Amino acid sequence: MTTAAPVNLPPPQCPPQLLGHCARCQAPCHRYGVGGNPLCKTHKAEAEALQKPRPAAL
């Protein structure tokens, strides 16, 4: 029986000292250093989607 890999894993080449926990779900992510982000991939995508401009209402 195989299980699906977790979605919110940090890149395998990310050194352990740059890992931290997502500010929203506590999943491990590349949080510190160059390219770091306080959110995991899933929550970063959600935040970026919310920042997209919406069409003006008529």
N, C-alpha and C. Protein backbone atom coordinates (compact mmCIF):
# COMPACT_ATOMS: atom_id res chain seq x y z
N MET A 1 0.85 -1.18 0.00
CA MET A 1 0.00 0.00 0.00
C MET A 1 0.89 1.23 0.00
N THR A 2 0.62 2.16 -0.89
CA THR A 2 1.40 3.39 -0.95
C THR A 2 0.53 4.56 -0.50
N THR A 3 1.18 5.54 0.07
CA THR A 3 0.47 6.74 0.49
C THR A 3 1.00 7.92 -0.29
N ALA A 4 0.17 8.90 -0.48
CA ALA A 4 0.58 10.11 -1.20
C ALA A 4 1.53 10.92 -0.34
N ALA A 5 2.51 11.54 -0.99
CA ALA A 5 3.47 12.38 -0.26
C ALA A 5 2.77 13.65 0.20
N PRO A 6 3.12 14.17 1.36
CA PRO A 6 2.54 15.43 1.82
C PRO A 6 2.82 16.56 0.81
N VAL A 7 1.88 17.45 0.65
CA VAL A 7 2.00 18.52 -0.33
C VAL A 7 2.96 19.61 0.14
N ASN A 8 2.96 19.92 1.41
CA ASN A 8 3.72 21.06 1.92
C ASN A 8 5.12 20.70 2.40
N LEU A 9 5.88 20.00 1.58
CA LEU A 9 7.25 19.70 1.97
C LEU A 9 8.20 20.76 1.40
N PRO A 10 9.23 21.13 2.16
CA PRO A 10 10.20 22.09 1.65
C PRO A 10 11.04 21.45 0.55
N PRO A 11 11.73 22.24 -0.27
CA PRO A 11 12.57 21.66 -1.31
C PRO A 11 13.65 20.77 -0.68
N PRO A 12 13.97 19.64 -1.30
CA PRO A 12 14.94 18.72 -0.70
C PRO A 12 16.33 19.34 -0.56
N GLN A 13 16.68 20.31 -1.38
CA GLN A 13 18.00 20.94 -1.31
C GLN A 13 18.07 22.04 -0.25
N CYS A 14 16.98 22.31 0.44
CA CYS A 14 16.94 23.35 1.47
C CYS A 14 17.69 22.88 2.72
N PRO A 15 18.74 23.61 3.14
CA PRO A 15 19.48 23.22 4.34
C PRO A 15 18.59 23.28 5.58
N PRO A 16 18.82 22.40 6.54
CA PRO A 16 17.98 22.35 7.75
C PRO A 16 17.94 23.65 8.53
N GLN A 17 19.01 24.43 8.52
CA GLN A 17 19.02 25.68 9.28
C GLN A 17 18.12 26.75 8.67
N LEU A 18 17.63 26.54 7.45
CA LEU A 18 16.73 27.50 6.81
C LEU A 18 15.26 27.07 6.91
N LEU A 19 15.01 25.92 7.52
CA LEU A 19 13.65 25.43 7.66
C LEU A 19 12.97 26.06 8.87
N GLY A 20 11.68 26.23 8.77
CA GLY A 20 10.86 26.72 9.87
C GLY A 20 9.45 26.21 9.67
N HIS A 21 8.54 26.70 10.45
CA HIS A 21 7.15 26.27 10.35
C HIS A 21 6.31 27.36 9.70
N CYS A 22 5.37 26.94 8.87
CA CYS A 22 4.43 27.86 8.22
C CYS A 22 3.68 28.63 9.30
N ALA A 23 3.49 29.90 9.08
CA ALA A 23 2.82 30.75 10.05
C ALA A 23 1.33 30.40 10.19
N ARG A 24 0.76 29.70 9.23
CA ARG A 24 -0.66 29.37 9.31
C ARG A 24 -0.94 27.92 9.69
N CYS A 25 -0.18 26.97 9.13
CA CYS A 25 -0.51 25.56 9.38
C CYS A 25 0.58 24.78 10.10
N GLN A 26 1.70 25.41 10.36
CA GLN A 26 2.83 24.80 11.07
C GLN A 26 3.51 23.69 10.27
N ALA A 27 3.27 23.59 8.97
CA ALA A 27 3.97 22.61 8.14
C ALA A 27 5.41 23.09 7.94
N PRO A 28 6.38 22.18 7.79
CA PRO A 28 7.75 22.60 7.55
C PRO A 28 7.86 23.28 6.19
N CYS A 29 8.60 24.38 6.14
CA CYS A 29 8.79 25.10 4.88
C CYS A 29 10.12 25.84 4.90
N HIS A 30 10.56 26.33 3.74
CA HIS A 30 11.79 27.13 3.61
C HIS A 30 11.44 28.53 4.10
N ARG A 31 11.72 28.79 5.36
CA ARG A 31 11.27 30.03 5.99
C ARG A 31 12.35 31.10 6.07
N TYR A 32 13.60 30.72 6.22
CA TYR A 32 14.67 31.69 6.47
C TYR A 32 15.65 31.74 5.31
N GLY A 33 16.40 32.85 5.23
CA GLY A 33 17.44 32.98 4.21
C GLY A 33 16.87 33.44 2.88
N VAL A 34 17.72 33.37 1.85
CA VAL A 34 17.33 33.80 0.51
C VAL A 34 16.23 32.88 -0.02
N GLY A 35 15.15 33.46 -0.46
CA GLY A 35 14.03 32.69 -0.99
C GLY A 35 13.07 32.17 0.06
N GLY A 36 13.31 32.50 1.32
CA GLY A 36 12.45 32.03 2.39
C GLY A 36 11.13 32.78 2.42
N ASN A 37 10.14 32.16 3.02
CA ASN A 37 8.81 32.75 3.11
C ASN A 37 8.15 32.23 4.38
N PRO A 38 7.43 33.06 5.12
CA PRO A 38 6.78 32.58 6.35
C PRO A 38 5.60 31.64 6.09
N LEU A 39 5.21 31.49 4.83
CA LEU A 39 4.08 30.61 4.50
C LEU A 39 4.57 29.43 3.66
N CYS A 40 3.91 28.29 3.81
CA CYS A 40 4.20 27.12 2.97
C CYS A 40 3.70 27.41 1.55
N LYS A 41 4.00 26.51 0.63
CA LYS A 41 3.60 26.71 -0.77
C LYS A 41 2.09 26.87 -0.93
N THR A 42 1.33 26.08 -0.20
CA THR A 42 -0.13 26.14 -0.31
C THR A 42 -0.67 27.48 0.16
N HIS A 43 -0.25 27.92 1.33
CA HIS A 43 -0.77 29.17 1.88
C HIS A 43 -0.20 30.39 1.15
N LYS A 44 1.00 30.28 0.60
CA LYS A 44 1.55 31.37 -0.20
C LYS A 44 0.71 31.56 -1.46
N ALA A 45 0.33 30.45 -2.11
CA ALA A 45 -0.50 30.53 -3.30
C ALA A 45 -1.86 31.14 -2.98
N GLU A 46 -2.44 30.77 -1.83
CA GLU A 46 -3.72 31.35 -1.42
C GLU A 46 -3.59 32.85 -1.19
N ALA A 47 -2.51 33.28 -0.53
CA ALA A 47 -2.31 34.70 -0.26
C ALA A 47 -2.12 35.48 -1.55
N GLU A 48 -1.38 34.92 -2.50
CA GLU A 48 -1.17 35.60 -3.78
C GLU A 48 -2.46 35.70 -4.56
N ALA A 49 -3.32 34.68 -4.48
CA ALA A 49 -4.60 34.71 -5.18
C ALA A 49 -5.49 35.81 -4.61
N LEU A 50 -5.41 36.04 -3.30
CA LEU A 50 -6.23 37.08 -2.68
C LEU A 50 -5.74 38.49 -3.04
N GLN A 51 -4.47 38.61 -3.41
CA GLN A 51 -3.90 39.92 -3.74
C GLN A 51 -4.12 40.33 -5.18
N LYS A 52 -4.58 39.41 -6.04
CA LYS A 52 -4.82 39.76 -7.43
C LYS A 52 -5.94 40.77 -7.52
N PRO A 53 -5.78 41.77 -8.39
CA PRO A 53 -6.85 42.79 -8.50
C PRO A 53 -8.12 42.18 -9.09
N ARG A 54 -9.22 42.61 -8.55
CA ARG A 54 -10.52 42.14 -9.04
C ARG A 54 -11.04 43.13 -10.07
N PRO A 55 -11.84 42.66 -11.00
CA PRO A 55 -12.42 43.60 -11.99
C PRO A 55 -13.35 44.59 -11.30
N ALA A 56 -13.36 45.79 -11.80
CA ALA A 56 -14.20 46.83 -11.22
C ALA A 56 -15.68 46.50 -11.42
N ALA A 57 -16.46 46.75 -10.39
CA ALA A 57 -17.90 46.51 -10.49
C ALA A 57 -18.56 47.64 -11.27
N LEU A 58 -19.56 47.30 -12.03
CA LEU A 58 -20.25 48.32 -12.83
C LEU A 58 -21.43 48.89 -12.09
